[in-house]
């Protein structure tokens, strides 16, 4: 029984392959359409993933990191009364989780005062050494320099804030705020650096000084409000779970970037949604094109199918011949499309795709103008599966039509 089935399958495949080779031009056109469509989808997935990696990498490296730890409720209501009371416990938890890149910060609101005007700012105290392990904020300094160990009462401002205050390097800027008891405090700072990145959230409304300076100003020695962690994107969910378990009972909120800024994640989901829509369009085109080829093949072979049925070939075997042709076309098209798409990804990933010609400056949206495509295997698998399914669907109707033929009528009218 097994040998008979194997022989039957071999005959079906042989006949299907013979027909495809017998109409080589039509077969190549259909295969080419599938290959080009699949290659286009592979490139779009690669470009999309490269764009997301670029944007999220810049977004996290700018200032927020991948994960932040605060006292419960601090992110929504950043008050000094919600400072972390036991920061060393968090350090121990991070070391047990194998996290080496983290930074401590103290964050509060203040009012920046220059000789000409005032502006409200988020005042952030950072450890200059630790911060450079977590973010690339130092690279965003276009004028002056970033904080250095031992800097006391030095200040970093964004370009927009500095411009609004009409402050230049070396100028004195007064920062007015409140200490841990709610009493008003004011200190004089020297402007040491200006951020000129052009990125949203960095150039406006933020003032940065050293952690020790801000702790002294608000009378919170050795205390912080925020731990910022930098880890690979794929490790974020597991790290959050580990820290949540290790620091249970400490009244802390452990927040990945997508919990703090859900709009960014929703934008990525929406962007992927457009790609799924495009996949649907390509699959429809593949389905229509291959269906047309298979129907034409079935009509041309009506007499052949009539003769085969007359000599004992079953309707199921005739249907399997047509379905085998559709699947073979799909497999050859998919193999060609993978090869073409992979070559495109390799080339563009090496040289990059420059968006500046089309979009101008993209730094405001945390996107570098040069995008390097990157293909994920799950996207590739999804696309291949969809194309293969479309090929099978394209063969079902012609196969069903062929199986309904009456031998005598098919031979006479074929």
Protein backbone atom coordinates (compact mmCIF):
# COMPACT_ATOMS: atom_id res chain seq x y z
CA UNK A 1 0.00 0.00 0.00
CA UNK A 2 2.83 2.35 0.91
CA UNK A 3 4.73 1.53 -2.30
CA UNK A 4 1.56 2.12 -4.33
CA UNK A 5 0.99 5.48 -2.69
CA UNK A 6 4.62 6.47 -3.22
CA UNK A 7 4.43 5.50 -6.89
CA UNK A 8 1.21 7.48 -7.30
CA UNK A 9 2.75 10.56 -5.73
CA UNK A 10 5.79 10.21 -7.98
CA UNK A 11 3.57 10.05 -11.07
CA UNK A 12 1.55 13.07 -9.95
CA UNK A 13 4.72 15.13 -9.40
CA UNK A 14 6.24 13.98 -12.71
CA UNK A 15 3.14 14.97 -14.69
CA UNK A 16 2.90 18.29 -12.87
CA UNK A 17 6.57 19.07 -13.48
CA UNK A 18 6.30 18.04 -17.15
CA UNK A 19 3.42 20.45 -17.67
CA UNK A 20 5.26 23.32 -15.96
CA UNK A 21 8.32 22.75 -18.16
CA UNK A 22 6.12 22.40 -21.21
CA UNK A 23 4.80 25.92 -20.65
CA UNK A 24 8.07 27.37 -19.43
CA UNK A 25 7.42 31.02 -20.31
CA UNK A 26 4.11 31.10 -18.46
CA UNK A 27 5.63 29.26 -15.51
CA UNK A 28 8.57 31.65 -15.28
CA UNK A 29 6.27 34.69 -15.40
CA UNK A 30 4.19 33.33 -12.52
CA UNK A 31 7.25 32.27 -10.53
CA UNK A 32 8.83 35.68 -11.19
CA UNK A 33 5.75 37.50 -9.91
CA UNK A 34 5.79 35.46 -6.70
CA UNK A 35 9.55 35.95 -6.26
CA UNK A 36 9.40 39.72 -6.76
CA UNK A 37 6.41 40.03 -4.41
CA UNK A 38 8.11 37.97 -1.70
CA UNK A 39 11.42 39.83 -2.12
CA UNK A 40 9.58 43.14 -1.76
CA UNK A 41 7.94 41.92 1.45
CA UNK A 42 11.26 40.68 2.82
CA UNK A 43 12.85 44.05 2.10
CA UNK A 44 9.95 45.94 3.69
CA UNK A 45 10.11 43.78 6.82
CA UNK A 46 13.87 44.31 6.99
CA UNK A 47 13.58 48.05 6.49
CA UNK A 48 10.77 48.26 9.04
CA UNK A 49 12.77 46.35 11.63
CA UNK A 50 15.86 48.45 10.94
CA UNK A 51 13.83 51.64 11.34
CA UNK A 52 12.34 50.45 14.64
CA UNK A 53 15.72 49.39 16.00
CA UNK A 54 17.21 52.71 14.99
CA UNK A 55 14.41 54.73 16.56
CA UNK A 56 14.11 52.71 19.77
CA UNK A 57 17.88 52.56 20.20
CA UNK A 58 18.14 56.35 19.92
CA UNK A 59 15.07 56.84 22.10
CA UNK A 60 16.46 54.68 24.89
CA UNK A 61 20.07 55.83 24.54
CA UNK A 62 19.07 59.49 24.57
CA UNK A 63 18.02 59.59 28.22
CA UNK A 64 15.33 57.09 29.33
CA UNK A 65 17.21 53.78 29.10
CA UNK A 66 15.46 50.44 28.67
CA UNK A 67 14.04 50.05 32.20
CA UNK A 68 13.60 52.49 35.08
CA UNK A 69 13.01 51.84 38.77
CA UNK A 70 11.24 54.39 40.97
CA UNK A 71 9.38 54.54 44.24
CA UNK A 72 5.74 53.58 43.69
CA UNK A 73 3.90 56.46 41.97
CA UNK A 74 6.97 58.60 41.27
CA UNK A 75 6.75 58.42 37.47
CA UNK A 76 3.27 59.99 37.46
CA UNK A 77 3.99 62.34 40.37
CA UNK A 78 7.74 63.09 40.55
CA UNK A 79 8.06 64.44 44.09
CA UNK A 80 11.07 64.29 46.40
CA UNK A 81 8.87 62.71 49.07
CA UNK A 82 8.86 59.63 46.79
CA UNK A 83 12.64 59.23 46.78
CA UNK A 84 13.94 55.65 47.00
CA UNK A 85 14.70 55.02 50.65
CA UNK A 86 16.95 51.99 50.24
CA UNK A 87 18.97 52.37 47.02
CA UNK A 88 21.59 49.82 48.08
CA UNK A 89 18.93 47.08 48.10
CA UNK A 90 18.27 47.89 44.43
CA UNK A 91 21.99 47.77 43.63
CA UNK A 92 22.14 44.30 45.20
CA UNK A 93 19.12 43.18 43.15
CA UNK A 94 20.66 44.50 39.93
CA UNK A 95 23.95 42.73 40.59
CA UNK A 96 22.14 39.43 41.26
CA UNK A 97 20.26 39.86 37.97
CA UNK A 98 23.57 40.35 36.14
CA UNK A 99 22.90 43.99 35.25
CA UNK A 100 26.14 45.93 34.87
CA UNK A 101 24.92 49.05 33.09
CA UNK A 102 22.78 51.17 35.36
CA UNK A 103 22.80 54.74 36.62
CA UNK A 104 21.30 56.58 39.59
CA UNK A 105 19.47 59.87 39.23
CA UNK A 106 17.71 62.43 41.36
CA UNK A 107 14.85 64.24 39.61
CA UNK A 108 12.75 67.21 40.66
CA UNK A 109 11.18 70.33 39.22
CA UNK A 110 12.80 73.73 39.27
CA UNK A 111 12.76 77.21 37.80
CA UNK A 112 15.77 78.34 35.74
CA UNK A 113 16.50 82.05 35.99
CA UNK A 114 18.86 84.05 33.76
CA UNK A 115 19.54 87.77 33.54
CA UNK A 116 16.67 88.20 31.10
CA UNK A 117 13.94 85.62 31.74
CA UNK A 118 12.84 82.42 33.51
CA UNK A 119 11.74 78.93 32.43
CA UNK A 120 10.42 75.89 34.24
CA UNK A 121 12.66 72.83 33.94
CA UNK A 122 12.93 69.21 35.02
CA UNK A 123 16.09 69.26 37.14
CA UNK A 124 18.03 65.99 36.91
CA UNK A 125 21.06 65.04 38.96
CA UNK A 126 23.27 62.42 37.26
CA UNK A 127 26.43 60.54 38.09
CA UNK A 128 28.73 61.52 35.16
CA UNK A 129 30.57 58.17 35.10
CA UNK A 130 27.58 55.85 35.52
CA UNK A 131 25.43 57.80 33.07
CA UNK A 132 27.77 57.13 30.18
CA UNK A 133 27.30 53.37 30.74
CA UNK A 134 23.56 53.74 30.22
CA UNK A 135 22.87 56.52 27.74
CA UNK A 136 24.66 58.46 25.01
CA UNK A 137 23.64 61.83 26.39
CA UNK A 138 27.26 62.99 26.39
CA UNK A 139 27.33 62.60 22.59
CA UNK A 140 24.39 64.98 22.27
CA UNK A 141 26.41 67.88 23.66
CA UNK A 142 27.03 70.14 20.67
CA UNK A 143 28.37 73.16 22.56
CA UNK A 144 30.68 72.84 25.55
CA UNK A 145 31.07 69.51 27.36
CA UNK A 146 29.23 66.95 29.43
CA UNK A 147 29.54 66.66 33.19
CA UNK A 148 32.79 65.28 34.60
CA UNK A 149 33.60 63.68 37.97
CA UNK A 150 34.17 66.41 40.55
CA UNK A 151 31.99 68.97 38.74
CA UNK A 152 30.14 71.04 41.34
CA UNK A 153 27.27 73.30 40.37
CA UNK A 154 27.85 72.87 36.66
CA UNK A 155 24.76 72.81 34.42
CA UNK A 156 23.74 71.25 31.11
CA UNK A 157 20.81 72.75 29.18
CA UNK A 158 19.03 71.87 25.97
CA UNK A 159 19.50 74.24 23.04
CA UNK A 160 15.91 75.49 23.15
CA UNK A 161 16.04 76.13 26.90
CA UNK A 162 19.40 77.88 26.63
CA UNK A 163 18.08 80.00 23.77
CA UNK A 164 14.94 80.93 25.73
CA UNK A 165 17.10 81.95 28.70
CA UNK A 166 19.56 83.69 26.35
CA UNK A 167 22.33 81.83 28.22
CA UNK A 168 25.77 81.06 26.79
CA UNK A 169 28.63 78.87 27.95
CA UNK A 170 30.09 80.17 31.21
CA UNK A 171 26.99 82.20 32.06
CA UNK A 172 25.44 82.01 35.50
CA UNK A 173 22.00 80.38 35.73
CA UNK A 174 20.03 80.42 38.98
CA UNK A 175 17.97 77.33 39.75
CA UNK A 176 15.09 77.77 42.22
CA UNK A 177 13.41 74.68 43.67
CA UNK A 178 12.24 73.03 46.86
CA UNK A 179 14.16 70.80 49.22
CA UNK A 180 12.95 67.59 50.87
CA UNK A 181 11.02 69.59 53.50
CA UNK A 182 9.24 71.81 50.98
CA UNK A 183 11.37 74.86 51.74
CA UNK A 184 12.41 77.02 48.78
CA UNK A 185 16.07 76.85 47.82
CA UNK A 186 18.09 78.65 45.15
CA UNK A 187 21.58 77.96 43.87
CA UNK A 188 23.84 79.44 41.23
CA UNK A 189 25.11 77.17 38.44
CA UNK A 190 27.62 77.70 35.64
CA UNK A 191 26.49 76.62 32.17
CA UNK A 192 29.02 74.03 30.98
CA UNK A 193 27.27 72.39 28.03
CA UNK A 194 24.35 72.72 25.62
CA UNK A 195 22.51 69.78 24.03
CA UNK A 196 21.99 70.34 20.29
CA UNK A 197 20.58 66.96 19.26
CA UNK A 198 17.32 68.28 17.82
CA UNK A 199 15.48 65.38 19.53
CA UNK A 200 12.13 65.92 21.21
CA UNK A 201 12.42 66.05 25.00
CA UNK A 202 16.16 66.77 25.10
CA UNK A 203 16.49 70.28 23.74
CA UNK A 204 13.69 71.81 25.81
CA UNK A 205 12.54 71.81 29.44
CA UNK A 206 15.45 69.94 31.02
CA UNK A 207 18.41 70.98 33.17
CA UNK A 208 21.12 68.49 34.17
CA UNK A 209 23.67 68.75 36.97
CA UNK A 210 25.75 66.28 38.95
CA UNK A 211 24.01 63.91 41.34
CA UNK A 212 26.04 65.03 44.35
CA UNK A 213 25.28 68.69 43.65
CA UNK A 214 21.53 68.17 43.48
CA UNK A 215 21.56 65.92 46.56
CA UNK A 216 23.27 68.71 48.48
CA UNK A 217 20.90 71.36 47.10
CA UNK A 218 17.68 69.55 48.12
CA UNK A 219 19.16 67.98 51.27
CA UNK A 220 18.82 64.35 50.19
CA UNK A 221 22.31 62.90 50.82
CA UNK A 222 22.88 59.43 49.33
CA UNK A 223 19.28 59.24 48.10
CA UNK A 224 17.96 59.02 44.56
CA UNK A 225 14.59 58.92 42.82
CA UNK A 226 15.44 56.83 39.76
CA UNK A 227 17.56 53.91 38.61
CA UNK A 228 18.03 53.77 34.82
CA UNK A 229 19.02 50.43 33.28
CA UNK A 230 20.36 49.61 29.82
CA UNK A 231 19.83 46.04 28.56
CA UNK A 232 19.11 44.39 25.22
CA UNK A 233 15.52 44.73 24.02
CA UNK A 234 14.84 40.98 24.11
CA UNK A 235 15.84 40.76 27.77
CA UNK A 236 13.56 43.52 29.04
CA UNK A 237 10.47 41.38 29.90
CA UNK A 238 12.46 38.72 31.77
CA UNK A 239 14.53 41.35 33.62
CA UNK A 240 11.37 43.17 34.77
CA UNK A 241 10.02 39.87 36.14
CA UNK A 242 13.33 39.09 37.88
CA UNK A 243 13.56 42.50 39.52
CA UNK A 244 9.90 42.50 40.47
CA UNK A 245 10.46 39.21 42.30
CA UNK A 246 13.81 40.23 43.86
CA UNK A 247 12.57 43.65 45.07
CA UNK A 248 9.12 42.62 46.20
CA UNK A 249 7.94 44.50 49.26
CA UNK A 250 10.05 47.59 48.57
CA UNK A 251 7.15 49.73 47.19
CA UNK A 252 8.88 50.15 43.86
CA UNK A 253 7.66 50.47 40.27
CA UNK A 254 9.81 48.67 37.71
CA UNK A 255 8.91 50.15 34.35
CA UNK A 256 10.16 49.14 30.88
CA UNK A 257 10.28 51.91 28.30
CA UNK A 258 6.97 50.85 26.72
CA UNK A 259 5.15 51.24 30.05
CA UNK A 260 6.50 54.75 30.51
CA UNK A 261 5.90 55.80 26.91
CA UNK A 262 3.10 53.59 25.49
CA UNK A 263 2.55 55.97 22.57
CA UNK A 264 5.90 54.90 21.12
CA UNK A 265 4.94 51.23 21.31
CA UNK A 266 1.50 51.94 19.84
CA UNK A 267 3.17 53.75 16.93
CA UNK A 268 5.29 50.66 16.23
CA UNK A 269 2.20 48.43 16.36
CA UNK A 270 0.39 50.78 13.98
CA UNK A 271 3.39 50.85 11.65
CA UNK A 272 3.49 47.04 11.60
CA UNK A 273 -0.24 47.07 10.88
CA UNK A 274 0.38 48.90 7.61
CA UNK A 275 2.87 46.19 6.66
CA UNK A 276 0.31 43.46 7.36
CA UNK A 277 -2.07 45.35 5.09
CA UNK A 278 0.61 45.45 2.39
CA UNK A 279 1.20 41.72 2.85
CA UNK A 280 -2.51 41.18 2.25
CA UNK A 281 -2.35 43.16 -1.00
CA UNK A 282 0.70 41.23 -2.25
CA UNK A 283 -0.87 37.90 -1.33
CA UNK A 284 -4.04 38.86 -3.19
CA UNK A 285 -1.98 39.72 -6.29
CA UNK A 286 -0.07 36.42 -6.01
CA UNK A 287 -3.31 34.52 -5.53
CA UNK A 288 -4.98 36.18 -8.52
CA UNK A 289 -1.96 35.73 -10.78
CA UNK A 290 -1.38 32.08 -9.93
CA UNK A 291 -5.11 31.32 -10.06
CA UNK A 292 -5.25 32.76 -13.57
CA UNK A 293 -2.27 30.60 -14.60
CA UNK A 294 -3.80 27.45 -13.12
CA UNK A 295 -7.22 28.04 -14.71
CA UNK A 296 -5.59 28.59 -18.10
CA UNK A 297 -3.58 25.38 -17.63
CA UNK A 298 -6.71 23.46 -16.69
CA UNK A 299 -8.64 24.68 -19.73
CA UNK A 300 -5.77 23.84 -22.09
CA UNK A 301 -5.54 20.30 -20.69
CA UNK A 302 -9.23 19.42 -20.70
CA UNK A 303 -8.75 16.75 -23.39
CA UNK A 304 -5.69 15.37 -21.56
CA UNK A 305 -7.66 15.02 -18.33
CA UNK A 306 -10.53 13.35 -20.24
CA UNK A 307 -8.15 10.76 -21.69
CA UNK A 308 -6.55 10.14 -18.27
CA UNK A 309 -9.95 9.57 -16.68
CA UNK A 310 -11.01 7.30 -19.54
CA UNK A 311 -8.03 5.01 -18.91
CA UNK A 312 -8.71 4.77 -15.18
CA UNK A 313 -7.16 7.80 -13.51
CA UNK A 314 -9.34 8.82 -10.58
CA UNK A 315 -10.81 12.29 -10.13
CA UNK A 316 -8.75 12.65 -6.95
CA UNK A 317 -5.54 11.96 -8.87
CA UNK A 318 -6.45 14.57 -11.51
CA UNK A 319 -7.14 17.12 -8.79
CA UNK A 320 -3.82 16.28 -7.11
CA UNK A 321 -1.97 16.93 -10.40
CA UNK A 322 -3.37 20.44 -10.57
CA UNK A 323 -2.73 21.10 -6.89
CA UNK A 324 0.84 19.79 -7.22
CA UNK A 325 1.48 22.27 -10.05
CA UNK A 326 0.27 25.18 -7.90
CA UNK A 327 2.41 24.09 -4.95
CA UNK A 328 5.50 23.60 -7.15
CA UNK A 329 5.06 27.08 -8.62
CA UNK A 330 4.72 28.46 -5.09
CA UNK A 331 7.79 26.64 -3.76
CA UNK A 332 10.00 27.67 -6.69
CA UNK A 333 8.73 31.27 -6.42
CA UNK A 334 9.33 31.31 -2.66
CA UNK A 335 12.86 29.93 -3.02
CA UNK A 336 13.67 32.54 -5.68
CA UNK A 337 12.06 35.30 -3.61
CA UNK A 338 14.03 34.37 -0.48
CA UNK A 339 17.28 34.44 -2.44
CA UNK A 340 16.49 37.78 -4.07
CA UNK A 341 15.19 39.33 -0.84
CA UNK A 342 18.16 38.10 1.17
CA UNK A 343 20.60 39.61 -1.33
CA UNK A 344 18.76 42.94 -1.14
CA UNK A 345 18.85 42.88 2.66
CA UNK A 346 22.58 42.02 2.69
CA UNK A 347 23.44 44.88 0.33
CA UNK A 348 21.27 47.53 2.01
CA UNK A 349 22.33 46.40 5.51
CA UNK A 350 25.93 47.00 4.46
CA UNK A 351 25.54 50.41 2.81
CA UNK A 352 22.40 51.67 4.58
CA UNK A 353 19.43 53.56 3.19
CA UNK A 354 19.68 57.35 3.39
CA UNK A 355 16.33 58.98 4.25
CA UNK A 356 17.64 62.53 4.49
CA UNK A 357 17.03 63.17 0.78
CA UNK A 358 13.32 62.39 1.18
CA UNK A 359 12.57 63.44 4.75
CA UNK A 360 15.17 66.07 5.64
CA UNK A 361 16.05 66.09 9.35
CA UNK A 362 14.65 63.09 11.24
CA UNK A 363 16.49 63.65 14.53
CA UNK A 364 13.36 65.15 16.10
CA UNK A 365 11.80 61.67 15.96
CA UNK A 366 14.94 59.90 17.30
CA UNK A 367 15.69 58.51 13.83
CA UNK A 368 19.10 58.64 12.19
CA UNK A 369 18.89 59.47 8.47
CA UNK A 370 20.78 56.27 7.57
CA UNK A 371 18.72 53.10 8.14
CA UNK A 372 20.27 49.61 8.12
CA UNK A 373 17.65 46.90 7.36
CA UNK A 374 17.54 43.85 9.62
CA UNK A 375 15.41 40.78 8.98
CA UNK A 376 13.81 38.78 11.81
CA UNK A 377 13.17 35.08 11.23
CA UNK A 378 9.61 35.23 12.58
CA UNK A 379 8.71 37.87 9.99
CA UNK A 380 10.31 35.75 7.26
CA UNK A 381 8.43 32.65 8.40
CA UNK A 382 5.12 34.50 8.49
CA UNK A 383 5.59 35.85 4.98
CA UNK A 384 6.68 32.52 3.50
CA UNK A 385 3.74 30.76 5.13
CA UNK A 386 1.30 33.32 3.75
CA UNK A 387 2.68 33.04 0.20
CA UNK A 388 2.62 29.23 0.33
CA UNK A 389 -0.98 29.29 1.58
CA UNK A 390 -1.90 31.62 -1.28
CA UNK A 391 -0.33 29.16 -3.76
CA UNK A 392 -2.32 26.26 -2.31
CA UNK A 393 -5.54 28.28 -2.43
CA UNK A 394 -4.81 29.22 -6.05
CA UNK A 395 -4.67 25.53 -6.96
CA UNK A 396 -7.79 24.38 -5.10
CA UNK A 397 -10.45 25.82 -7.44
CA UNK A 398 -8.81 24.69 -10.74
CA UNK A 399 -8.20 21.26 -9.17
CA UNK A 400 -11.85 21.01 -8.16
CA UNK A 401 -12.98 22.09 -11.64
CA UNK A 402 -10.71 19.50 -13.26
CA UNK A 403 -12.05 16.75 -11.00
CA UNK A 404 -15.62 17.46 -12.16
CA UNK A 405 -14.87 16.87 -15.84
CA UNK A 406 -16.77 14.09 -17.62
CA UNK A 407 -14.32 11.92 -19.62
CA UNK A 408 -16.38 11.63 -22.82
CA UNK A 409 -17.32 15.31 -22.91
CA UNK A 410 -13.76 16.38 -22.02
CA UNK A 411 -12.26 14.31 -24.86
CA UNK A 412 -14.85 15.55 -27.35
CA UNK A 413 -14.67 19.26 -26.44
CA UNK A 414 -11.02 19.42 -25.36
